[in-house]
Amino acid sequence: MTRPLAAAACLLAACASAPAPKPAAPAAASLPGPGGHSPRLGNFSVSLAVKDLAASRAFYEQLGFRAIGGDQGRGWLILQNDASTVGLFQGAIKQNTLTYNPGWGRSAETLPDFDDVRDIQRTIEGRGIKPTVRADEASSGPAFLLLTDPDGNQILVDQHVSRPGK
């Protein structure tokens, strides 16, 4: 272990052994981003590019996850534990991706009110973020946009339902 990694490990170990102070809950007014509106990105999961779907499934099941959807024969599964959702994709994506699903709750149920992916796109573009792939503004059904953060991480905003009625 290199010296910086060893120092970081010691710091993390100390933090893990001492109770962390509880941060004060932020005031609702401090949460929105520039422009006063924080886009509701939707249900969050991590989509992982895996080499061996069966081995990855077995590993995550040992961590307490269970398959709730997908098609292992087609190379993808969605797994959940009590608080987390992980998508396993063999051959379908090139890199691990942070995924948000506007319009979906944790169990893929359609929400009555949410920010449409095209509205999210307009908000973030107004803040200077340029999507790698844009949602079709002329559409109203399912759509997605893809972003890349400054470190090269992919962020997928993938809406599977039609625009909410307003």
C-alpha atoms as a PDB file:
ATOM      1  CA  MET A   1       0.000   0.000   0.000  1.00  0.00           C
ATOM      2  CA  THR A   2       1.434   3.386  -0.929  1.00  0.00           C
ATOM      3  CA  ARG A   3       1.872   6.025   1.751  1.00  0.00           C
ATOM      4  CA  PRO A   4      -1.096   8.199   0.593  1.00  0.00           C
ATOM      5  CA  LEU A   5      -3.345   5.134   0.385  1.00  0.00           C
ATOM      6  CA  ALA A   6      -2.196   3.957   3.819  1.00  0.00           C
ATOM      7  CA  ALA A   7      -2.910   7.390   5.285  1.00  0.00           C
ATOM      8  CA  ALA A   8      -6.350   7.413   3.682  1.00  0.00           C
ATOM      9  CA  ALA A   9      -7.063   3.909   5.012  1.00  0.00           C
ATOM     10  CA  CYS A  10      -6.062   4.987   8.528  1.00  0.00           C
ATOM     11  CA  LEU A  11      -8.243   8.071   8.272  1.00  0.00           C
ATOM     12  CA  LEU A  12     -11.194   5.991   7.051  1.00  0.00           C
ATOM     13  CA  ALA A  13     -10.637   3.444   9.833  1.00  0.00           C
ATOM     14  CA  ALA A  14     -10.617   6.210  12.437  1.00  0.00           C
ATOM     15  CA  CYS A  15     -13.774   7.688  10.991  1.00  0.00           C
ATOM     16  CA  ALA A  16     -15.441   4.282  10.984  1.00  0.00           C
ATOM     17  CA  SER A  17     -14.571   3.614  14.625  1.00  0.00           C
ATOM     18  CA  ALA A  18     -15.665   6.990  15.980  1.00  0.00           C
ATOM     19  CA  PRO A  19     -19.313   8.035  15.818  1.00  0.00           C
ATOM     20  CA  ALA A  20     -19.765  10.682  13.168  1.00  0.00           C
ATOM     21  CA  PRO A  21     -21.455  13.887  14.237  1.00  0.00           C
ATOM     22  CA  LYS A  22     -24.942  14.225  12.827  1.00  0.00           C
ATOM     23  CA  PRO A  23     -25.039  17.030  10.282  1.00  0.00           C
ATOM     24  CA  ALA A  24     -27.845  19.504  10.535  1.00  0.00           C
ATOM     25  CA  ALA A  25     -30.549  18.927   7.970  1.00  0.00           C
ATOM     26  CA  PRO A  26     -30.201  21.488   5.190  1.00  0.00           C
ATOM     27  CA  ALA A  27     -32.956  24.012   4.891  1.00  0.00           C
ATOM     28  CA  ALA A  28     -35.236  23.325   1.937  1.00  0.00           C
ATOM     29  CA  ALA A  29     -34.362  26.710   0.485  1.00  0.00           C
ATOM     30  CA  SER A  30     -30.666  25.719   0.292  1.00  0.00           C
ATOM     31  CA  LEU A  31     -31.265  22.555  -1.756  1.00  0.00           C
ATOM     32  CA  PRO A  32     -32.161  23.876  -5.230  1.00  0.00           C
ATOM     33  CA  GLY A  33     -29.368  24.481  -7.689  1.00  0.00           C
ATOM     34  CA  PRO A  34     -28.784  27.649  -9.673  1.00  0.00           C
ATOM     35  CA  GLY A  35     -32.009  29.171 -10.877  1.00  0.00           C
ATOM     36  CA  GLY A  36     -33.924  28.099  -7.770  1.00  0.00           C
ATOM     37  CA  HIS A  37     -35.133  24.715  -9.061  1.00  0.00           C
ATOM     38  CA  SER A  38     -33.555  21.375  -8.341  1.00  0.00           C
ATOM     39  CA  PRO A  39     -34.574  18.902 -11.047  1.00  0.00           C
ATOM     40  CA  ARG A  40     -36.167  15.720  -9.739  1.00  0.00           C
ATOM     41  CA  LEU A  41     -34.004  13.145 -11.506  1.00  0.00           C
ATOM     42  CA  GLY A  42     -36.006  10.148 -10.301  1.00  0.00           C
ATOM     43  CA  ASN A  43     -35.242   6.768  -8.821  1.00  0.00           C
ATOM     44  CA  PHE A  44     -31.485   6.074  -8.592  1.00  0.00           C
ATOM     45  CA  SER A  45     -29.537   2.919  -9.370  1.00  0.00           C
ATOM     46  CA  VAL A  46     -26.053   1.940 -10.450  1.00  0.00           C
ATOM     47  CA  SER A  47     -25.758   0.121 -13.763  1.00  0.00           C
ATOM     48  CA  LEU A  48     -22.683  -2.093 -13.886  1.00  0.00           C
ATOM     49  CA  ALA A  49     -20.950  -3.416 -17.003  1.00  0.00           C
ATOM     50  CA  VAL A  50     -20.167  -7.011 -15.971  1.00  0.00           C
ATOM     51  CA  LYS A  51     -18.043  -9.697 -17.625  1.00  0.00           C
ATOM     52  CA  ASP A  52     -19.952 -12.719 -16.288  1.00  0.00           C
ATOM     53  CA  LEU A  53     -23.600 -12.087 -15.414  1.00  0.00           C
ATOM     54  CA  ALA A  54     -24.050 -15.347 -13.486  1.00  0.00           C
ATOM     55  CA  ALA A  55     -20.927 -14.738 -11.366  1.00  0.00           C
ATOM     56  CA  SER A  56     -21.953 -11.131 -10.689  1.00  0.00           C
ATOM     57  CA  ARG A  57     -25.477 -12.199  -9.740  1.00  0.00           C
ATOM     58  CA  ALA A  58     -24.113 -14.814  -7.321  1.00  0.00           C
ATOM     59  CA  PHE A  59     -21.782 -12.214  -5.770  1.00  0.00           C
ATOM     60  CA  TYR A  60     -24.531  -9.632  -5.228  1.00  0.00           C
ATOM     61  CA  GLU A  61     -26.901 -12.284  -3.893  1.00  0.00           C
ATOM     62  CA  GLN A  62     -24.251 -13.070  -1.258  1.00  0.00           C
ATOM     63  CA  LEU A  63     -24.503  -9.375  -0.292  1.00  0.00           C
ATOM     64  CA  GLY A  64     -28.247  -9.745   0.224  1.00  0.00           C
ATOM     65  CA  PHE A  65     -29.519  -8.573  -3.174  1.00  0.00           C
ATOM     66  CA  ARG A  66     -32.305 -10.394  -5.011  1.00  0.00           C
ATOM     67  CA  ALA A  67     -33.306 -10.230  -8.662  1.00  0.00           C
ATOM     68  CA  ILE A  68     -36.459  -8.160  -9.187  1.00  0.00           C
ATOM     69  CA  GLY A  69     -36.394  -7.842 -12.960  1.00  0.00           C
ATOM     70  CA  GLY A  70     -34.500  -8.282 -16.165  1.00  0.00           C
ATOM     71  CA  ASP A  71     -33.714 -11.185 -18.425  1.00  0.00           C
ATOM     72  CA  GLN A  72     -30.585 -13.164 -17.636  1.00  0.00           C
ATOM     73  CA  GLY A  73     -30.810 -14.878 -21.052  1.00  0.00           C
ATOM     74  CA  ARG A  74     -30.562 -11.456 -22.715  1.00  0.00           C
ATOM     75  CA  GLY A  75     -27.673 -10.326 -20.514  1.00  0.00           C
ATOM     76  CA  TRP A  76     -29.225  -8.078 -17.883  1.00  0.00           C
ATOM     77  CA  LEU A  77     -30.741  -8.213 -14.397  1.00  0.00           C
ATOM     78  CA  ILE A  78     -31.967  -5.677 -11.854  1.00  0.00           C
ATOM     79  CA  LEU A  79     -31.215  -6.534  -8.229  1.00  0.00           C
ATOM     80  CA  GLN A  80     -32.254  -4.855  -4.995  1.00  0.00           C
ATOM     81  CA  ASN A  81     -31.517  -5.154  -1.320  1.00  0.00           C
ATOM     82  CA  ASP A  82     -33.289  -3.230   1.413  1.00  0.00           C
ATOM     83  CA  ALA A  83     -32.038   0.171   0.243  1.00  0.00           C
ATOM     84  CA  SER A  84     -30.091  -0.160  -3.027  1.00  0.00           C
ATOM     85  CA  THR A  85     -30.713  -1.041  -6.660  1.00  0.00           C
ATOM     86  CA  VAL A  86     -28.017  -2.420  -8.967  1.00  0.00           C
ATOM     87  CA  GLY A  87     -28.400  -3.230 -12.644  1.00  0.00           C
ATOM     88  CA  LEU A  88     -26.061  -5.880 -14.053  1.00  0.00           C
ATOM     89  CA  PHE A  89     -25.474  -5.655 -17.815  1.00  0.00           C
ATOM     90  CA  GLN A  90     -23.295  -8.079 -19.745  1.00  0.00           C
ATOM     91  CA  GLY A  91     -22.458  -6.677 -23.184  1.00  0.00           C
ATOM     92  CA  ALA A  92     -25.162  -3.984 -23.101  1.00  0.00           C
ATOM     93  CA  ILE A  93     -23.175  -1.048 -21.704  1.00  0.00           C
ATOM     94  CA  LYS A  94     -19.495  -0.185 -22.048  1.00  0.00           C
ATOM     95  CA  GLN A  95     -18.904   1.340 -18.628  1.00  0.00           C
ATOM     96  CA  ASN A  96     -20.478   1.591 -15.205  1.00  0.00           C
ATOM     97  CA  THR A  97     -23.208   4.219 -15.220  1.00  0.00           C
ATOM     98  CA  LEU A  98     -25.157   6.205 -12.634  1.00  0.00           C
ATOM     99  CA  THR A  99     -28.806   5.817 -13.645  1.00  0.00           C
ATOM    100  CA  TYR A 100     -31.855   7.921 -12.798  1.00  0.00           C
ATOM    101  CA  ASN A 101     -35.415   7.059 -13.835  1.00  0.00           C
ATOM    102  CA  PRO A 102     -37.783  10.040 -13.813  1.00  0.00           C
ATOM    103  CA  GLY A 103     -41.370   8.915 -13.309  1.00  0.00           C
ATOM    104  CA  TRP A 104     -40.531   5.680 -11.530  1.00  0.00           C
ATOM    105  CA  GLY A 105     -40.615   4.800  -7.859  1.00  0.00           C
ATOM    106  CA  ARG A 106     -38.312   2.195  -6.340  1.00  0.00           C
ATOM    107  CA  SER A 107     -40.519  -0.702  -7.523  1.00  0.00           C
ATOM    108  CA  ALA A 108     -40.782   0.686 -11.092  1.00  0.00           C
ATOM    109  CA  GLU A 109     -44.283   1.978 -10.365  1.00  0.00           C
ATOM    110  CA  THR A 110     -45.277   5.083 -12.325  1.00  0.00           C
ATOM    111  CA  LEU A 111     -45.399   8.217 -10.189  1.00  0.00           C
ATOM    112  CA  PRO A 112     -48.301  10.663 -10.604  1.00  0.00           C
ATOM    113  CA  ASP A 113     -46.010  13.717 -10.615  1.00  0.00           C
ATOM    114  CA  PHE A 114     -42.398  13.991 -11.726  1.00  0.00           C
ATOM    115  CA  ASP A 115     -40.044  16.118 -13.814  1.00  0.00           C
ATOM    116  CA  ASP A 116     -40.077  14.963 -17.420  1.00  0.00           C
ATOM    117  CA  VAL A 117     -36.665  14.124 -18.908  1.00  0.00           C
ATOM    118  CA  ARG A 118     -37.072  16.900 -21.498  1.00  0.00           C
ATOM    119  CA  ASP A 119     -37.708  19.463 -18.732  1.00  0.00           C
ATOM    120  CA  ILE A 120     -34.661  18.167 -16.857  1.00  0.00           C
ATOM    121  CA  GLN A 121     -32.643  18.528 -20.068  1.00  0.00           C
ATOM    122  CA  ARG A 122     -33.709  22.167 -20.523  1.00  0.00           C
ATOM    123  CA  THR A 123     -32.857  22.932 -16.881  1.00  0.00           C
ATOM    124  CA  ILE A 124     -29.360  21.452 -17.009  1.00  0.00           C
ATOM    125  CA  GLU A 125     -28.608  22.947 -20.438  1.00  0.00           C
ATOM    126  CA  GLY A 126     -29.622  26.333 -19.002  1.00  0.00           C
ATOM    127  CA  ARG A 127     -26.940  25.751 -16.371  1.00  0.00           C
ATOM    128  CA  GLY A 128     -24.283  25.060 -18.993  1.00  0.00           C
ATOM    129  CA  ILE A 129     -24.284  21.243 -18.926  1.00  0.00           C
ATOM    130  CA  LYS A 130     -24.300  19.770 -22.410  1.00  0.00           C
ATOM    131  CA  PRO A 131     -25.696  16.232 -22.684  1.00  0.00           C
ATOM    132  CA  THR A 132     -23.607  13.672 -24.564  1.00  0.00           C
ATOM    133  CA  VAL A 133     -26.901  12.371 -25.983  1.00  0.00           C
ATOM    134  CA  ARG A 134     -30.005  14.584 -25.937  1.00  0.00           C
ATOM    135  CA  ALA A 135     -33.629  13.561 -25.468  1.00  0.00           C
ATOM    136  CA  ASP A 136     -35.891  14.395 -28.413  1.00  0.00           C
ATOM    137  CA  GLU A 137     -37.680  17.599 -27.392  1.00  0.00           C
ATOM    138  CA  ALA A 138     -40.521  16.898 -29.844  1.00  0.00           C
ATOM    139  CA  SER A 139     -41.435  13.609 -28.167  1.00  0.00           C
ATOM    140  CA  SER A 140     -43.652  13.077 -25.118  1.00  0.00           C
ATOM    141  CA  GLY A 141     -43.170   9.376 -24.385  1.00  0.00           C
ATOM    142  CA  PRO A 142     -40.217   7.470 -22.980  1.00  0.00           C
ATOM    143  CA  ALA A 143     -36.869   9.160 -23.663  1.00  0.00           C
ATOM    144  CA  PHE A 144     -33.382   9.453 -22.215  1.00  0.00           C
ATOM    145  CA  LEU A 145     -30.409  11.746 -22.040  1.00  0.00           C
ATOM    146  CA  LEU A 146     -26.812  10.872 -21.304  1.00  0.00           C
ATOM    147  CA  LEU A 147     -24.306  13.056 -19.472  1.00  0.00           C
ATOM    148  CA  THR A 148     -20.619  12.673 -18.742  1.00  0.00           C
ATOM    149  CA  ASP A 149     -19.282  14.238 -15.545  1.00  0.00           C
ATOM    150  CA  PRO A 150     -15.843  15.950 -15.382  1.00  0.00           C
ATOM    151  CA  ASP A 151     -14.223  12.617 -14.420  1.00  0.00           C
ATOM    152  CA  GLY A 152     -15.691  10.688 -17.357  1.00  0.00           C
ATOM    153  CA  ASN A 153     -18.461   8.964 -15.378  1.00  0.00           C
ATOM    154  CA  GLN A 154     -21.626   8.354 -17.368  1.00  0.00           C
ATOM    155  CA  ILE A 155     -24.972   9.530 -16.011  1.00  0.00           C
ATOM    156  CA  LEU A 156     -28.087   8.185 -17.693  1.00  0.00           C
ATOM    157  CA  VAL A 157     -31.446   9.893 -17.141  1.00  0.00           C
ATOM    158  CA  ASP A 158     -33.743   7.206 -18.555  1.00  0.00           C
ATOM    159  CA  GLN A 159     -37.500   7.837 -18.478  1.00  0.00           C
ATOM    160  CA  HIS A 160     -39.621   4.776 -19.273  1.00  0.00           C
ATOM    161  CA  VAL A 161     -43.062   6.415 -19.019  1.00  0.00           C
ATOM    162  CA  SER A 162     -44.879   9.234 -20.812  1.00  0.00           C
ATOM    163  CA  ARG A 163     -44.694  12.851 -19.726  1.00  0.00           C
ATOM    164  CA  PRO A 164     -46.847  13.431 -16.638  1.00  0.00           C
ATOM    165  CA  GLY A 165     -50.166  15.215 -17.100  1.00  0.00           C
ATOM    166  CA  LYS A 166     -49.954  18.740 -15.745  1.00  0.00           C
END
